[in-house]
Amino acid sequence: MPRTFARSIILKALYEWELKEKEGDVFVFLGRNFDYFKNEERIKLTEDDYNFAKNLLSFILENLKDIDEIIKINSKEYNFEQIGIIEKNILRICTAELLKAKENDEYKKQVPEKVAINEAIEVSKLFCEEESTKFINGVLGTIFDYLKNNKVKNV
Protein backbone atom coordinates (compact mmCIF):
# COMPACT_ATOMS: atom_id res chain seq x y z
CA MET A 1 0.00 0.00 0.00
CA PRO A 2 2.70 2.59 0.79
CA ARG A 3 4.37 2.15 -2.62
CA THR A 4 1.01 2.42 -4.36
CA PHE A 5 0.43 5.61 -2.44
CA ALA A 6 3.95 6.82 -3.27
CA ARG A 7 3.07 6.38 -6.95
CA SER A 8 -0.15 8.32 -6.34
CA ILE A 9 1.91 11.15 -4.88
CA ILE A 10 4.16 11.14 -7.96
CA LEU A 11 0.99 11.32 -10.06
CA LYS A 12 -0.30 14.28 -8.06
CA ALA A 13 3.03 16.10 -8.38
CA LEU A 14 3.17 15.51 -12.15
CA TYR A 15 -0.47 16.56 -12.48
CA GLU A 16 0.17 19.84 -10.66
CA TRP A 17 3.33 20.42 -12.71
CA GLU A 18 1.42 19.88 -15.97
CA LEU A 19 -1.43 22.14 -14.89
CA LYS A 20 1.13 24.87 -14.22
CA GLU A 21 2.48 24.28 -17.74
CA LYS A 22 5.66 22.72 -16.35
CA GLU A 23 6.48 25.85 -14.37
CA GLY A 24 7.60 25.46 -10.81
CA ASP A 25 9.60 22.76 -9.11
CA VAL A 26 7.90 19.39 -9.41
CA PHE A 27 9.96 18.16 -6.43
CA VAL A 28 8.38 20.87 -4.26
CA PHE A 29 4.98 19.52 -5.34
CA LEU A 30 6.14 16.00 -4.51
CA GLY A 31 7.44 17.03 -1.08
CA ARG A 32 4.28 18.95 -0.24
CA ASN A 33 2.08 15.97 -1.13
CA PHE A 34 4.34 13.59 0.76
CA ASP A 35 4.35 15.81 3.86
CA TYR A 36 0.58 16.06 3.73
CA PHE A 37 0.10 12.28 3.77
CA LYS A 38 3.11 10.96 5.70
CA ASN A 39 1.41 11.19 9.08
CA GLU A 40 -1.75 9.43 7.95
CA GLU A 41 -2.07 6.39 10.21
CA ARG A 42 -3.67 4.19 7.55
CA ILE A 43 -1.00 4.97 4.94
CA LYS A 44 2.27 4.85 6.92
CA LEU A 45 4.59 6.41 4.36
CA THR A 46 8.26 6.25 5.28
CA GLU A 47 11.39 8.09 4.22
CA ASP A 48 12.15 5.07 2.00
CA ASP A 49 8.82 5.62 0.24
CA TYR A 50 9.73 9.28 -0.29
CA ASN A 51 13.15 8.34 -1.69
CA PHE A 52 11.50 5.77 -3.97
CA ALA A 53 9.11 8.47 -5.24
CA LYS A 54 11.86 11.07 -5.63
CA ASN A 55 14.14 8.67 -7.52
CA LEU A 56 11.35 7.51 -9.81
CA LEU A 57 10.26 11.10 -10.47
CA SER A 58 13.87 12.05 -11.28
CA PHE A 59 14.08 9.17 -13.75
CA ILE A 60 10.81 10.25 -15.37
CA LEU A 61 11.98 13.83 -15.83
CA GLU A 62 15.44 12.82 -17.09
CA ASN A 63 13.88 10.49 -19.67
CA LEU A 64 10.60 12.27 -20.39
CA LYS A 65 11.11 12.57 -24.16
CA ASP A 66 11.97 8.88 -24.52
CA ILE A 67 9.13 7.83 -22.22
CA ASP A 68 6.64 9.94 -24.16
CA GLU A 69 7.94 8.52 -27.45
CA ILE A 70 7.45 4.96 -26.18
CA ILE A 71 3.89 5.83 -25.15
CA LYS A 72 3.21 7.43 -28.56
CA ILE A 73 4.54 4.39 -30.43
CA ASN A 74 2.37 2.05 -28.36
CA SER A 75 -0.85 4.05 -28.35
CA LYS A 76 -1.05 4.67 -32.10
CA GLU A 77 -4.84 4.69 -32.13
CA TYR A 78 -4.83 7.74 -29.85
CA ASN A 79 -3.39 11.18 -30.34
CA PHE A 80 -0.86 11.57 -27.52
CA GLU A 81 -1.87 15.20 -26.97
CA GLN A 82 -5.47 14.12 -26.41
CA ILE A 83 -4.69 11.56 -23.72
CA GLY A 84 -5.85 12.99 -20.38
CA ILE A 85 -3.24 14.40 -18.01
CA ILE A 86 -3.92 11.78 -15.35
CA GLU A 87 -3.89 8.87 -17.79
CA LYS A 88 -0.75 10.17 -19.51
CA ASN A 89 1.10 10.52 -16.22
CA ILE A 90 0.08 7.05 -15.03
CA LEU A 91 1.48 5.74 -18.32
CA ARG A 92 4.66 7.76 -17.77
CA ILE A 93 5.16 6.44 -14.25
CA CYS A 94 4.72 2.82 -15.27
CA THR A 95 6.75 3.16 -18.46
CA ALA A 96 9.57 4.60 -16.37
CA GLU A 97 9.36 1.61 -14.04
CA LEU A 98 9.38 -0.80 -16.97
CA LEU A 99 12.44 0.94 -18.39
CA LYS A 100 14.21 0.84 -15.03
CA ALA A 101 13.44 -2.88 -14.71
CA LYS A 102 14.74 -3.50 -18.24
CA GLU A 103 18.03 -1.72 -17.53
CA ASN A 104 18.59 -2.60 -13.87
CA ASP A 105 18.33 -6.13 -12.49
CA GLU A 106 18.26 -4.86 -8.90
CA TYR A 107 15.26 -2.65 -9.66
CA LYS A 108 13.61 -5.55 -11.49
CA LYS A 109 13.97 -7.71 -8.36
CA GLN A 110 12.33 -4.98 -6.27
CA VAL A 111 9.64 -4.13 -8.81
CA PRO A 112 9.04 -6.84 -11.44
CA GLU A 113 7.38 -5.57 -14.61
CA LYS A 114 4.04 -7.24 -13.88
CA VAL A 115 4.00 -5.63 -10.43
CA ALA A 116 4.67 -2.21 -11.97
CA ILE A 117 1.78 -2.70 -14.40
CA ASN A 118 -0.53 -3.91 -11.63
CA GLU A 119 0.41 -0.90 -9.50
CA ALA A 120 -0.42 1.43 -12.41
CA ILE A 121 -3.80 -0.25 -12.79
CA GLU A 122 -4.47 0.14 -9.05
CA VAL A 123 -3.54 3.84 -9.19
CA SER A 124 -5.77 4.29 -12.25
CA LYS A 125 -8.68 2.75 -10.34
CA LEU A 126 -8.24 5.48 -7.72
CA PHE A 127 -8.14 8.38 -10.18
CA CYS A 128 -9.78 7.31 -13.45
CA GLU A 129 -12.98 6.03 -14.94
CA GLU A 130 -13.21 2.33 -15.81
CA GLU A 131 -12.72 3.02 -19.54
CA SER A 132 -9.49 4.88 -18.80
CA THR A 133 -8.25 2.00 -16.66
CA LYS A 134 -8.89 -0.39 -19.56
CA PHE A 135 -7.06 1.97 -21.92
CA ILE A 136 -4.07 2.20 -19.55
CA ASN A 137 -3.99 -1.57 -19.13
CA GLY A 138 -4.01 -2.11 -22.89
CA VAL A 139 -1.31 0.45 -23.61
CA LEU A 140 0.91 -0.86 -20.81
CA GLY A 141 0.58 -4.42 -22.11
CA THR A 142 1.70 -3.19 -25.52
CA ILE A 143 4.58 -1.21 -23.99
CA PHE A 144 5.67 -4.28 -22.01
CA ASP A 145 5.85 -6.35 -25.21
CA TYR A 146 7.58 -3.51 -27.07
CA LEU A 147 10.29 -3.15 -24.42
CA LYS A 148 10.87 -6.91 -24.35
CA ASN A 149 11.54 -6.91 -28.08
CA ASN A 150 13.32 -3.58 -28.64
CA LYS A 151 16.46 -1.85 -27.45
CA VAL A 152 15.68 1.61 -26.13
CA LYS A 153 18.26 4.28 -26.79
CA ASN A 154 19.32 7.10 -24.47
CA VAL A 155 17.83 5.63 -21.31
C-alpha atoms as a PDB file:
ATOM      1  CA  MET A   1       0.000   0.000   0.000  1.00  0.00           C
ATOM      2  CA  PRO A   2       2.700   2.589   0.792  1.00  0.00           C
ATOM      3  CA  ARG A   3       4.366   2.154  -2.617  1.00  0.00           C
ATOM      4  CA  THR A   4       1.006   2.416  -4.363  1.00  0.00           C
ATOM      5  CA  PHE A   5       0.433   5.606  -2.435  1.00  0.00           C
ATOM      6  CA  ALA A   6       3.952   6.824  -3.274  1.00  0.00           C
ATOM      7  CA  ARG A   7       3.073   6.378  -6.950  1.00  0.00           C
ATOM      8  CA  SER A   8      -0.146   8.321  -6.340  1.00  0.00           C
ATOM      9  CA  ILE A   9       1.910  11.154  -4.878  1.00  0.00           C
ATOM     10  CA  ILE A  10       4.156  11.142  -7.956  1.00  0.00           C
ATOM     11  CA  LEU A  11       0.990  11.319 -10.059  1.00  0.00           C
ATOM     12  CA  LYS A  12      -0.304  14.283  -8.056  1.00  0.00           C
ATOM     13  CA  ALA A  13       3.032  16.101  -8.380  1.00  0.00           C
ATOM     14  CA  LEU A  14       3.166  15.512 -12.148  1.00  0.00           C
ATOM     15  CA  TYR A  15      -0.467  16.564 -12.479  1.00  0.00           C
ATOM     16  CA  GLU A  16       0.171  19.843 -10.657  1.00  0.00           C
ATOM     17  CA  TRP A  17       3.328  20.422 -12.713  1.00  0.00           C
ATOM     18  CA  GLU A  18       1.420  19.880 -15.971  1.00  0.00           C
ATOM     19  CA  LEU A  19      -1.434  22.141 -14.887  1.00  0.00           C
ATOM     20  CA  LYS A  20       1.129  24.867 -14.218  1.00  0.00           C
ATOM     21  CA  GLU A  21       2.479  24.278 -17.743  1.00  0.00           C
ATOM     22  CA  LYS A  22       5.659  22.722 -16.345  1.00  0.00           C
ATOM     23  CA  GLU A  23       6.476  25.854 -14.374  1.00  0.00           C
ATOM     24  CA  GLY A  24       7.601  25.457 -10.807  1.00  0.00           C
ATOM     25  CA  ASP A  25       9.596  22.760  -9.108  1.00  0.00           C
ATOM     26  CA  VAL A  26       7.902  19.387  -9.411  1.00  0.00           C
ATOM     27  CA  PHE A  27       9.962  18.164  -6.432  1.00  0.00           C
ATOM     28  CA  VAL A  28       8.377  20.872  -4.262  1.00  0.00           C
ATOM     29  CA  PHE A  29       4.984  19.524  -5.343  1.00  0.00           C
ATOM     30  CA  LEU A  30       6.144  15.996  -4.508  1.00  0.00           C
ATOM     31  CA  GLY A  31       7.442  17.029  -1.080  1.00  0.00           C
ATOM     32  CA  ARG A  32       4.284  18.948  -0.238  1.00  0.00           C
ATOM     33  CA  ASN A  33       2.083  15.972  -1.135  1.00  0.00           C
ATOM     34  CA  PHE A  34       4.339  13.591   0.758  1.00  0.00           C
ATOM     35  CA  ASP A  35       4.349  15.812   3.860  1.00  0.00           C
ATOM     36  CA  TYR A  36       0.576  16.062   3.728  1.00  0.00           C
ATOM     37  CA  PHE A  37       0.101  12.285   3.774  1.00  0.00           C
ATOM     38  CA  LYS A  38       3.109  10.959   5.698  1.00  0.00           C
ATOM     39  CA  ASN A  39       1.408  11.185   9.082  1.00  0.00           C
ATOM     40  CA  GLU A  40      -1.754   9.429   7.952  1.00  0.00           C
ATOM     41  CA  GLU A  41      -2.066   6.394  10.213  1.00  0.00           C
ATOM     42  CA  ARG A  42      -3.671   4.193   7.553  1.00  0.00           C
ATOM     43  CA  ILE A  43      -1.000   4.974   4.938  1.00  0.00           C
ATOM     44  CA  LYS A  44       2.267   4.851   6.918  1.00  0.00           C
ATOM     45  CA  LEU A  45       4.588   6.414   4.361  1.00  0.00           C
ATOM     46  CA  THR A  46       8.263   6.253   5.278  1.00  0.00           C
ATOM     47  CA  GLU A  47      11.392   8.088   4.216  1.00  0.00           C
ATOM     48  CA  ASP A  48      12.146   5.067   2.002  1.00  0.00           C
ATOM     49  CA  ASP A  49       8.822   5.624   0.239  1.00  0.00           C
ATOM     50  CA  TYR A  50       9.727   9.284  -0.286  1.00  0.00           C
ATOM     51  CA  ASN A  51      13.146   8.337  -1.687  1.00  0.00           C
ATOM     52  CA  PHE A  52      11.499   5.772  -3.968  1.00  0.00           C
ATOM     53  CA  ALA A  53       9.114   8.465  -5.237  1.00  0.00           C
ATOM     54  CA  LYS A  54      11.860  11.070  -5.627  1.00  0.00           C
ATOM     55  CA  ASN A  55      14.138   8.673  -7.525  1.00  0.00           C
ATOM     56  CA  LEU A  56      11.352   7.511  -9.814  1.00  0.00           C
ATOM     57  CA  LEU A  57      10.259  11.097 -10.472  1.00  0.00           C
ATOM     58  CA  SER A  58      13.872  12.054 -11.282  1.00  0.00           C
ATOM     59  CA  PHE A  59      14.077   9.171 -13.745  1.00  0.00           C
ATOM     60  CA  ILE A  60      10.808  10.246 -15.374  1.00  0.00           C
ATOM     61  CA  LEU A  61      11.980  13.828 -15.826  1.00  0.00           C
ATOM     62  CA  GLU A  62      15.435  12.821 -17.089  1.00  0.00           C
ATOM     63  CA  ASN A  63      13.883  10.491 -19.669  1.00  0.00           C
ATOM     64  CA  LEU A  64      10.595  12.267 -20.386  1.00  0.00           C
ATOM     65  CA  LYS A  65      11.115  12.570 -24.158  1.00  0.00           C
ATOM     66  CA  ASP A  66      11.973   8.885 -24.519  1.00  0.00           C
ATOM     67  CA  ILE A  67       9.134   7.834 -22.215  1.00  0.00           C
ATOM     68  CA  ASP A  68       6.635   9.936 -24.163  1.00  0.00           C
ATOM     69  CA  GLU A  69       7.943   8.523 -27.451  1.00  0.00           C
ATOM     70  CA  ILE A  70       7.451   4.962 -26.180  1.00  0.00           C
ATOM     71  CA  ILE A  71       3.889   5.835 -25.152  1.00  0.00           C
ATOM     72  CA  LYS A  72       3.209   7.434 -28.560  1.00  0.00           C
ATOM     73  CA  ILE A  73       4.539   4.387 -30.430  1.00  0.00           C
ATOM     74  CA  ASN A  74       2.375   2.052 -28.364  1.00  0.00           C
ATOM     75  CA  SER A  75      -0.854   4.055 -28.353  1.00  0.00           C
ATOM     76  CA  LYS A  76      -1.054   4.669 -32.098  1.00  0.00           C
ATOM     77  CA  GLU A  77      -4.836   4.694 -32.126  1.00  0.00           C
ATOM     78  CA  TYR A  78      -4.826   7.741 -29.847  1.00  0.00           C
ATOM     79  CA  ASN A  79      -3.392  11.185 -30.343  1.00  0.00           C
ATOM     80  CA  PHE A  80      -0.862  11.572 -27.522  1.00  0.00           C
ATOM     81  CA  GLU A  81      -1.867  15.198 -26.973  1.00  0.00           C
ATOM     82  CA  GLN A  82      -5.473  14.125 -26.410  1.00  0.00           C
ATOM     83  CA  ILE A  83      -4.691  11.563 -23.716  1.00  0.00           C
ATOM     84  CA  GLY A  84      -5.855  12.991 -20.385  1.00  0.00           C
ATOM     85  CA  ILE A  85      -3.238  14.396 -18.009  1.00  0.00           C
ATOM     86  CA  ILE A  86      -3.925  11.776 -15.353  1.00  0.00           C
ATOM     87  CA  GLU A  87      -3.895   8.872 -17.791  1.00  0.00           C
ATOM     88  CA  LYS A  88      -0.747  10.168 -19.510  1.00  0.00           C
ATOM     89  CA  ASN A  89       1.099  10.517 -16.219  1.00  0.00           C
ATOM     90  CA  ILE A  90       0.077   7.055 -15.027  1.00  0.00           C
ATOM     91  CA  LEU A  91       1.478   5.741 -18.316  1.00  0.00           C
ATOM     92  CA  ARG A  92       4.664   7.762 -17.768  1.00  0.00           C
ATOM     93  CA  ILE A  93       5.165   6.440 -14.245  1.00  0.00           C
ATOM     94  CA  CYS A  94       4.721   2.818 -15.268  1.00  0.00           C
ATOM     95  CA  THR A  95       6.750   3.164 -18.465  1.00  0.00           C
ATOM     96  CA  ALA A  96       9.575   4.600 -16.367  1.00  0.00           C
ATOM     97  CA  GLU A  97       9.362   1.611 -14.037  1.00  0.00           C
ATOM     98  CA  LEU A  98       9.376  -0.803 -16.972  1.00  0.00           C
ATOM     99  CA  LEU A  99      12.444   0.936 -18.389  1.00  0.00           C
ATOM    100  CA  LYS A 100      14.207   0.835 -15.027  1.00  0.00           C
ATOM    101  CA  ALA A 101      13.439  -2.878 -14.711  1.00  0.00           C
ATOM    102  CA  LYS A 102      14.740  -3.503 -18.238  1.00  0.00           C
ATOM    103  CA  GLU A 103      18.028  -1.721 -17.534  1.00  0.00           C
ATOM    104  CA  ASN A 104      18.592  -2.601 -13.874  1.00  0.00           C
ATOM    105  CA  ASP A 105      18.329  -6.130 -12.494  1.00  0.00           C
ATOM    106  CA  GLU A 106      18.264  -4.864  -8.897  1.00  0.00           C
ATOM    107  CA  TYR A 107      15.256  -2.654  -9.657  1.00  0.00           C
ATOM    108  CA  LYS A 108      13.611  -5.553 -11.490  1.00  0.00           C
ATOM    109  CA  LYS A 109      13.971  -7.706  -8.357  1.00  0.00           C
ATOM    110  CA  GLN A 110      12.328  -4.980  -6.270  1.00  0.00           C
ATOM    111  CA  VAL A 111       9.638  -4.129  -8.814  1.00  0.00           C
ATOM    112  CA  PRO A 112       9.036  -6.838 -11.439  1.00  0.00           C
ATOM    113  CA  GLU A 113       7.383  -5.567 -14.610  1.00  0.00           C
ATOM    114  CA  LYS A 114       4.043  -7.241 -13.883  1.00  0.00           C
ATOM    115  CA  VAL A 115       4.004  -5.631 -10.428  1.00  0.00           C
ATOM    116  CA  ALA A 116       4.667  -2.207 -11.970  1.00  0.00           C
ATOM    117  CA  ILE A 117       1.778  -2.703 -14.398  1.00  0.00           C
ATOM    118  CA  ASN A 118      -0.527  -3.910 -11.631  1.00  0.00           C
ATOM    119  CA  GLU A 119       0.410  -0.895  -9.500  1.00  0.00           C
ATOM    120  CA  ALA A 120      -0.419   1.426 -12.408  1.00  0.00           C
ATOM    121  CA  ILE A 121      -3.804  -0.250 -12.785  1.00  0.00           C
ATOM    122  CA  GLU A 122      -4.469   0.141  -9.052  1.00  0.00           C
ATOM    123  CA  VAL A 123      -3.544   3.838  -9.194  1.00  0.00           C
ATOM    124  CA  SER A 124      -5.765   4.286 -12.248  1.00  0.00           C
ATOM    125  CA  LYS A 125      -8.679   2.751 -10.341  1.00  0.00           C
ATOM    126  CA  LEU A 126      -8.238   5.477  -7.718  1.00  0.00           C
ATOM    127  CA  PHE A 127      -8.138   8.384 -10.176  1.00  0.00           C
ATOM    128  CA  CYS A 128      -9.778   7.307 -13.452  1.00  0.00           C
ATOM    129  CA  GLU A 129     -12.980   6.027 -14.940  1.00  0.00           C
ATOM    130  CA  GLU A 130     -13.214   2.326 -15.814  1.00  0.00           C
ATOM    131  CA  GLU A 131     -12.718   3.022 -19.538  1.00  0.00           C
ATOM    132  CA  SER A 132      -9.487   4.876 -18.803  1.00  0.00           C
ATOM    133  CA  THR A 133      -8.252   1.999 -16.657  1.00  0.00           C
ATOM    134  CA  LYS A 134      -8.894  -0.389 -19.562  1.00  0.00           C
ATOM    135  CA  PHE A 135      -7.065   1.970 -21.919  1.00  0.00           C
ATOM    136  CA  ILE A 136      -4.073   2.205 -19.549  1.00  0.00           C
ATOM    137  CA  ASN A 137      -3.992  -1.568 -19.126  1.00  0.00           C
ATOM    138  CA  GLY A 138      -4.009  -2.113 -22.886  1.00  0.00           C
ATOM    139  CA  VAL A 139      -1.306   0.445 -23.610  1.00  0.00           C
ATOM    140  CA  LEU A 140       0.912  -0.862 -20.805  1.00  0.00           C
ATOM    141  CA  GLY A 141       0.579  -4.417 -22.114  1.00  0.00           C
ATOM    142  CA  THR A 142       1.696  -3.188 -25.525  1.00  0.00           C
ATOM    143  CA  ILE A 143       4.579  -1.206 -23.991  1.00  0.00           C
ATOM    144  CA  PHE A 144       5.667  -4.275 -22.010  1.00  0.00           C
ATOM    145  CA  ASP A 145       5.853  -6.349 -25.213  1.00  0.00           C
ATOM    146  CA  TYR A 146       7.578  -3.510 -27.074  1.00  0.00           C
ATOM    147  CA  LEU A 147      10.287  -3.148 -24.420  1.00  0.00           C
ATOM    148  CA  LYS A 148      10.874  -6.908 -24.354  1.00  0.00           C
ATOM    149  CA  ASN A 149      11.539  -6.911 -28.083  1.00  0.00           C
ATOM    150  CA  ASN A 150      13.321  -3.581 -28.638  1.00  0.00           C
ATOM    151  CA  LYS A 151      16.456  -1.854 -27.454  1.00  0.00           C
ATOM    152  CA  VAL A 152      15.684   1.607 -26.131  1.00  0.00           C
ATOM    153  CA  LYS A 153      18.264   4.277 -26.794  1.00  0.00           C
ATOM    154  CA  ASN A 154      19.318   7.099 -24.472  1.00  0.00           C
ATOM    155  CA  VAL A 155      17.827   5.627 -21.309  1.00  0.00           C
END
